[in-house]
Protein backbone atom coordinates (compact mmCIF):
# COMPACT_ATOMS: atom_id res chain seq x y z
CA MET A 1 0.07 -18.04 -44.13
CA LYS A 2 3.70 -18.22 -43.02
CA VAL A 3 4.55 -17.65 -39.37
CA VAL A 4 7.97 -17.07 -37.79
CA HIS A 5 8.27 -17.26 -33.99
CA TYR A 6 11.11 -15.71 -31.93
CA LEU A 7 12.05 -17.25 -28.57
CA ASN A 8 14.91 -16.95 -26.09
CA GLN A 9 17.21 -19.86 -25.29
CA PHE A 10 15.06 -21.18 -22.45
CA PHE A 11 11.74 -21.36 -24.25
CA ALA A 12 13.43 -22.70 -27.40
CA GLY A 13 14.71 -25.64 -25.36
CA LEU A 14 18.39 -24.74 -25.72
CA GLY A 15 19.04 -24.48 -21.98
CA ALA A 16 18.57 -22.13 -19.04
CA GLU A 17 21.07 -19.50 -17.83
CA GLU A 18 24.01 -21.66 -18.89
CA ALA A 19 22.81 -21.12 -22.49
CA ALA A 20 22.08 -17.41 -22.15
CA ARG A 21 25.02 -16.61 -24.45
CA HIS A 22 23.78 -18.94 -27.19
CA GLU A 23 24.16 -17.42 -30.64
CA PRO A 24 21.07 -16.92 -32.85
CA ILE A 25 19.76 -20.12 -34.41
CA ARG A 26 17.05 -21.18 -36.86
CA LEU A 27 14.85 -24.16 -35.96
CA GLU A 28 12.19 -25.90 -38.02
CA GLY A 29 8.60 -25.81 -36.79
CA PRO A 30 7.16 -24.81 -33.43
CA GLN A 31 9.21 -24.96 -30.24
CA GLY A 32 8.04 -24.51 -26.65
CA PRO A 33 5.25 -21.90 -26.58
CA GLY A 34 4.99 -22.29 -30.35
CA LYS A 35 3.25 -25.60 -29.78
CA GLY A 36 0.69 -23.71 -27.72
CA LEU A 37 0.14 -21.35 -30.65
CA VAL A 38 -0.47 -24.38 -32.86
CA ALA A 39 -3.02 -25.65 -30.34
CA ALA A 40 -4.67 -22.21 -30.53
CA GLY A 41 -5.03 -22.59 -34.30
CA LEU A 42 -1.88 -20.90 -35.64
CA GLN A 43 0.71 -23.03 -37.42
CA VAL A 44 4.31 -21.96 -36.68
CA ASP A 45 6.64 -22.65 -39.60
CA ILE A 46 10.04 -21.40 -38.38
CA THR A 47 11.44 -20.66 -34.92
CA LEU A 48 14.28 -18.19 -34.46
CA ALA A 49 16.01 -18.21 -31.09
CA CYS A 50 18.82 -16.36 -29.33
CA GLY A 51 20.32 -16.32 -25.86
CA ASP A 52 19.22 -13.37 -23.73
CA ASP A 53 22.77 -12.40 -22.80
CA TYR A 54 24.04 -12.85 -26.34
CA PHE A 55 21.39 -10.46 -27.66
CA GLY A 56 22.16 -7.92 -24.94
CA GLU A 57 25.93 -8.10 -25.40
CA HIS A 58 25.95 -8.39 -29.21
CA GLU A 59 22.78 -6.55 -30.14
CA THR A 60 23.93 -5.31 -33.55
CA GLU A 61 25.16 -8.73 -34.66
CA ALA A 62 22.20 -10.65 -33.24
CA LEU A 63 19.63 -8.25 -34.65
CA GLY A 64 21.29 -8.25 -38.06
CA TRP A 65 21.31 -12.06 -38.19
CA LEU A 66 17.65 -12.30 -37.16
CA LEU A 67 16.52 -9.66 -39.67
CA ASP A 68 18.43 -11.47 -42.43
CA ARG A 69 16.56 -14.67 -41.59
CA LEU A 70 13.26 -12.80 -41.72
CA SER A 71 14.21 -11.54 -45.15
CA ASP A 72 14.94 -15.12 -46.22
CA GLU A 73 11.65 -16.46 -44.86
CA ALA A 74 9.39 -13.51 -45.79
CA PRO A 75 6.73 -14.38 -43.19
CA ASP A 76 3.21 -12.99 -43.12
CA VAL A 77 3.59 -12.40 -39.38
CA LEU A 78 6.34 -12.48 -36.76
CA ILE A 79 5.53 -13.43 -33.17
CA CYS A 80 8.02 -12.62 -30.39
CA GLY A 81 7.67 -14.26 -26.99
CA PRO A 82 5.71 -14.05 -24.80
CA ALA A 83 8.43 -12.65 -22.54
CA PHE A 84 6.21 -12.04 -19.47
CA GLY A 85 8.22 -10.05 -16.87
CA SER A 86 11.69 -11.01 -18.11
CA GLY A 87 13.57 -7.78 -18.84
CA ARG A 88 16.33 -9.23 -21.04
CA TYR A 89 13.96 -11.40 -23.05
CA GLY A 90 11.39 -8.61 -23.31
CA TYR A 91 14.02 -6.15 -24.49
CA ALA A 92 15.09 -8.51 -27.28
CA CYS A 93 11.45 -9.06 -28.28
CA GLY A 94 10.82 -5.30 -28.29
CA VAL A 95 13.89 -4.43 -30.35
CA LEU A 96 13.38 -7.23 -32.89
CA GLY A 97 9.66 -6.44 -33.11
CA ARG A 98 10.37 -2.74 -33.67
CA GLU A 99 12.92 -3.27 -36.41
CA ALA A 100 10.87 -5.99 -38.13
CA ALA A 101 7.74 -3.82 -38.12
CA ARG A 102 9.69 -0.92 -39.59
CA ARG A 103 10.65 -3.23 -42.43
CA GLY A 104 7.02 -3.96 -43.20
CA TYR A 105 6.39 -7.18 -41.27
CA ALA A 106 3.28 -7.65 -39.13
CA VAL A 107 4.53 -8.21 -35.56
CA VAL A 108 2.87 -9.39 -32.36
CA THR A 109 4.73 -9.73 -29.07
CA ALA A 110 3.62 -10.14 -25.47
CA MET A 111 4.95 -9.11 -22.05
CA THR A 112 4.04 -7.21 -18.89
CA GLN A 113 3.18 -3.55 -19.22
CA ASP A 114 6.28 -2.45 -17.26
CA ASN A 115 8.71 -4.66 -19.18
CA PRO A 116 11.52 -2.58 -20.76
CA GLY A 117 10.64 -4.27 -24.05
CA VAL A 118 7.50 -2.13 -24.23
CA ILE A 119 9.62 1.02 -24.41
CA ALA A 120 12.08 -0.66 -26.78
CA ALA A 121 9.29 -1.53 -29.21
CA GLU A 122 8.44 2.18 -29.57
CA GLY A 123 4.86 1.40 -30.58
CA ALA A 124 5.90 -0.39 -33.77
CA ALA A 125 4.70 -3.84 -32.71
CA TYR A 126 1.39 -4.94 -31.22
CA ILE A 127 1.99 -5.99 -27.60
CA VAL A 128 -0.39 -8.30 -25.75
CA PRO A 129 -0.23 -7.72 -21.96
CA THR A 130 0.61 -10.76 -19.84
CA THR A 131 1.14 -11.80 -16.27
CA SER A 132 4.65 -11.47 -14.84
CA ASN A 133 5.40 -15.19 -15.14
CA VAL A 134 4.58 -18.26 -17.22
CA ALA A 135 1.44 -18.91 -15.21
CA GLY A 136 -0.27 -16.63 -17.74
CA MET A 137 0.95 -18.60 -20.79
CA ARG A 138 -2.32 -20.43 -21.40
CA ALA A 139 -4.33 -17.21 -21.32
CA ALA A 140 -1.91 -15.24 -23.51
CA LEU A 141 -1.37 -17.65 -26.43
CA PRO A 142 -4.93 -17.66 -27.86
CA THR A 143 -4.97 -13.85 -27.83
CA ILE A 144 -1.59 -13.73 -29.58
CA ALA A 145 -2.70 -16.31 -32.14
CA ASP A 146 -5.92 -14.46 -32.92
CA LEU A 147 -4.25 -11.07 -33.31
CA ALA A 148 -1.43 -12.54 -35.43
CA THR A 149 -3.91 -14.30 -37.71
CA ARG A 150 -5.90 -11.15 -38.29
CA LEU A 151 -2.79 -9.10 -39.00
CA ALA A 152 -1.49 -11.70 -41.43
CA ASN A 153 -4.83 -11.65 -43.23
CA GLY A 154 -4.71 -7.87 -43.54
CA GLU A 155 -7.72 -7.27 -41.31
CA THR A 156 -8.27 -3.91 -39.65
CA ILE A 157 -7.31 -3.94 -35.98
CA GLY A 158 -9.36 -1.82 -33.60
CA SER A 159 -8.21 0.37 -30.73
CA PRO A 160 -6.29 -0.95 -27.70
CA GLU A 161 -9.48 -0.61 -25.65
CA GLU A 162 -11.41 -2.72 -28.15
CA GLU A 163 -8.77 -5.33 -28.84
CA GLY A 164 -6.89 -5.61 -25.52
CA TYR A 165 -3.33 -4.87 -26.69
CA LEU A 166 -1.16 -2.23 -25.03
CA PRO A 167 -1.45 1.37 -26.32
CA ARG A 168 1.12 2.00 -29.04
CA GLY A 169 1.46 5.75 -28.52
CA LEU A 170 -0.37 6.40 -31.79
CA ARG A 171 -3.27 8.75 -32.30
CA ARG A 172 -6.01 8.29 -34.86
CA ASN A 173 -8.11 11.07 -36.28
CA GLU A 174 -11.81 10.79 -35.58
CA ILE A 175 -14.77 12.84 -36.77
CA VAL A 176 -16.29 14.86 -33.91
CA GLU A 177 -19.20 17.24 -33.83
CA ARG A 178 -17.30 20.31 -32.61
CA THR A 179 -14.14 21.77 -34.14
CA ALA A 180 -10.80 21.89 -32.35
CA ALA A 181 -11.03 25.70 -32.19
CA ALA A 182 -14.36 25.60 -30.38
CA ARG A 183 -13.12 22.98 -27.92
CA ALA A 184 -9.89 24.89 -27.29
CA VAL A 185 -11.78 28.08 -26.49
CA GLU A 186 -13.97 26.12 -24.10
CA LEU A 187 -10.91 24.73 -22.30
CA LEU A 188 -9.35 28.21 -22.15
CA LEU A 189 -12.49 29.76 -20.64
CA ALA A 190 -12.65 26.92 -18.11
CA LYS A 191 -9.04 27.56 -17.09
CA ILE A 192 -9.66 31.31 -16.73
CA GLY A 193 -12.59 30.36 -14.51
CA GLY A 194 -10.29 28.32 -12.28
CA GLU A 195 -10.96 24.86 -13.72
CA THR A 196 -8.15 23.10 -15.58
CA ARG A 197 -9.30 20.43 -18.03
CA THR A 198 -7.65 18.44 -20.79
CA GLU A 199 -8.77 16.12 -23.58
CA VAL A 200 -5.60 14.03 -23.20
CA ALA A 201 -5.50 12.36 -19.81
CA PRO A 202 -2.00 12.41 -18.26
CA SER A 203 -0.47 8.95 -17.92
CA ALA A 204 1.94 9.72 -15.07
CA GLY A 205 0.98 10.03 -11.45
CA ARG A 206 1.44 13.25 -9.49
CA VAL A 207 3.54 13.52 -6.35
CA THR A 208 2.84 16.37 -3.96
CA PRO A 209 6.09 18.27 -3.27
CA ALA A 210 7.29 18.09 0.32
CA PRO A 211 7.35 21.33 2.30
CA LYS A 212 10.64 23.19 2.28
CA VAL A 213 13.18 22.45 4.99
CA ALA A 214 12.82 25.14 7.62
CA ASP A 215 16.47 25.16 8.70
CA ILE A 216 18.86 23.51 6.26
CA SER A 217 21.79 24.21 8.58
CA ALA A 218 20.33 21.69 11.02
CA ALA A 219 19.20 19.12 8.46
CA THR A 220 20.82 15.83 7.48
CA ILE A 221 21.16 15.57 3.70
CA ALA A 222 21.48 12.37 1.67
CA LEU A 223 23.08 11.80 -1.71
CA VAL A 224 21.09 9.63 -4.12
CA THR A 225 21.92 9.04 -7.79
CA GLU A 226 20.67 7.12 -10.82
CA SER A 227 23.95 7.80 -12.65
CA GLY A 228 25.34 4.30 -12.05
CA CYS A 229 28.10 5.59 -9.77
CA VAL A 230 29.74 2.66 -7.96
CA PRO A 231 33.11 1.70 -6.47
CA LEU A 232 35.74 1.03 -9.14
CA GLY A 233 35.26 -2.36 -10.75
CA ASN A 234 31.53 -2.50 -9.94
CA PRO A 235 32.02 -5.15 -7.22
CA ASP A 236 28.29 -5.72 -6.69
CA ARG A 237 27.52 -5.94 -10.42
CA LEU A 238 25.07 -3.08 -10.75
CA PRO A 239 23.32 -3.55 -14.14
CA THR A 240 24.30 -0.95 -16.70
CA ARG A 241 20.70 -0.64 -17.96
CA HIS A 242 17.13 -1.70 -17.01
CA SER A 243 18.39 -2.16 -13.46
CA ASN A 244 16.47 -4.37 -11.07
CA VAL A 245 18.40 -3.28 -7.97
CA TRP A 246 19.69 -0.24 -6.09
CA LEU A 247 22.81 -0.30 -3.95
CA ARG A 248 24.16 1.58 -0.94
CA TYR A 249 27.77 2.45 -0.07
CA ARG A 250 29.27 3.90 3.09
CA LEU A 251 30.70 7.40 2.90
CA ASP A 252 32.42 7.44 6.29
CA GLY A 253 35.82 9.06 5.93
CA VAL A 254 35.34 9.68 2.20
CA GLY A 255 35.91 13.34 1.39
CA SER A 256 35.71 13.17 -2.38
CA LEU A 257 34.93 10.63 -5.10
CA GLY A 258 38.21 10.10 -6.92
CA SER A 259 38.68 8.35 -10.25
CA ASP A 260 40.90 5.84 -8.47
CA GLY A 261 37.99 4.64 -6.36
CA TYR A 262 34.72 5.29 -8.20
CA GLU A 263 33.24 5.12 -11.70
CA SER A 264 29.95 5.20 -13.59
CA VAL A 265 28.79 1.97 -15.25
CA HIS A 266 25.65 3.59 -16.64
CA ALA A 267 24.84 2.75 -20.28
CA GLY A 268 23.40 5.24 -22.75
CA PHE A 269 25.77 8.19 -22.25
CA ASP A 270 29.47 8.89 -22.58
CA THR A 271 30.90 8.43 -19.08
CA THR A 272 34.42 9.67 -19.97
CA ALA A 273 34.20 13.09 -18.31
CA ALA A 274 32.25 11.72 -15.36
CA ASN A 275 34.82 9.04 -14.68
CA VAL A 276 37.65 11.57 -14.72
CA ASP A 277 35.94 13.20 -11.74
CA PRO A 278 33.03 11.17 -10.28
CA ASN A 279 32.07 14.20 -8.13
CA ARG A 280 30.42 15.43 -11.34
CA LEU A 281 27.96 12.60 -10.83
CA VAL A 282 27.68 12.75 -7.06
CA PRO A 283 28.76 16.09 -5.52
CA LEU A 284 30.38 14.62 -2.42
CA ASP A 285 33.26 17.13 -2.46
CA ALA A 286 30.83 20.07 -2.43
CA MET A 287 28.76 18.51 0.36
CA ARG A 288 31.82 18.00 2.53
CA GLU A 289 32.67 21.67 2.08
CA LEU A 290 29.13 22.64 3.13
CA GLU A 291 29.53 20.42 6.19
CA ARG A 292 32.77 22.18 7.16
CA GLU A 293 31.05 25.56 6.81
CA ASN A 294 28.12 24.33 8.95
CA ALA A 295 25.82 25.25 6.06
CA VAL A 296 24.09 21.87 6.46
CA GLY A 297 23.50 19.78 9.52
CA GLY A 298 25.39 16.83 8.11
CA LEU A 299 25.67 14.32 5.34
CA TYR A 300 23.93 10.94 5.60
CA GLU A 301 26.42 8.13 6.02
CA GLU A 302 25.53 6.21 2.84
CA LEU A 303 25.26 6.85 -0.89
CA PHE A 304 22.26 5.27 -2.64
CA THR A 305 22.86 4.45 -6.30
CA THR A 306 21.29 2.72 -9.31
CA SER A 307 21.34 3.05 -13.09
CA GLY A 308 18.32 4.68 -14.65
CA VAL A 309 18.38 3.88 -18.37
CA ASP A 310 15.51 1.60 -19.54
CA THR A 311 14.32 1.02 -15.98
CA PRO A 312 10.50 0.68 -16.06
CA VAL A 313 8.61 3.41 -14.23
CA ALA A 314 7.01 0.89 -11.88
CA VAL A 315 10.41 -0.50 -10.89
CA ALA A 316 11.86 3.00 -10.40
CA ALA A 317 8.88 3.94 -8.22
CA THR A 318 9.54 0.87 -6.07
CA PHE A 319 13.19 1.91 -5.72
CA GLY A 320 12.08 5.36 -4.61
CA CYS A 321 9.72 4.02 -1.97
CA GLU A 322 12.37 1.65 -0.60
CA MET A 323 15.01 4.38 -0.42
CA ALA A 324 12.60 6.87 1.15
CA GLU A 325 11.63 4.41 3.86
CA VAL A 326 15.27 3.99 4.89
CA LEU A 327 16.05 7.71 4.73
CA VAL A 328 12.98 8.85 6.65
CA SER A 329 13.66 6.27 9.36
CA ALA A 330 17.22 7.62 9.62
CA GLY A 331 16.01 11.19 10.12
CA VAL A 332 17.16 12.51 6.74
CA ARG A 333 15.36 15.76 5.94
CA ALA A 334 16.36 16.32 2.29
CA VAL A 335 17.93 14.50 -0.65
CA ILE A 336 20.15 15.66 -3.50
CA LEU A 337 19.14 13.39 -6.39
CA THR A 338 21.49 13.49 -9.37
CA GLY A 339 20.80 12.00 -12.79
CA THR A 340 22.64 11.78 -16.10
């Protein structure tokens, strides 16, 4: 059995943040967590490593180099991480795991369920859930080693519920006693009778809509956006993707968002037209007009902004709760939330 292990610069022993732009490198034998895999019974032959920032800033080049090394080594299994709660590291593990699996390699990685690497992997790799930090290393490595060994040996892997890995978004056909037609009719009759049922449980939570604003002409309205709209030059360094922060900017005396003062730093879409007129992202000019017409009670004094691409749902939900707490305390009655 031949095993290749992917690590970031820190766990490979290349350095901490000062080495985050380290180019991809091939190392002999186990490094860092790889030694824990060896202790768990899995020999690591080759370690591939790359700086987190280098991978993020040079994804095409880094990924190409890493995939070429996999082709050279032809491993029976590739292990990435564990990345725990690290977004940059997890993203690299997810992308490399996805592309390696699509080329026929068995891949196991590990990270928290809300790590952006889970989305990046697109169900191609097996992902072992971990704690958010290295405190869970000792518990994660034996599970990774066991799953990797079984995959390398060509064994059949059971369901996520049976094996403990994260759901991959795949569905397997199973033999059931009643046909789909009979079950569908049963669900339809239940719905007609006032009971809504489903065989596929929804994964997202439900939020009860707030009651409508009784008098919008007396209400304070806030502008909130996930379009990455920030002052020109991005002075507070809002991340362009998988953001871990939201920012707030004063709107006092600002009548319109001009291209000389604002821009979008959001990744994942062409910002050209938006940056010509940032009001397309955040309709401040229209809100000021409504204020002058007394159509609304007033505009809240700050703009809340973040970038939405690759942000885990759990992180986005936290942003929402934090923003809502501020706005409710300030007496804001409604929000215009713009996306991309």
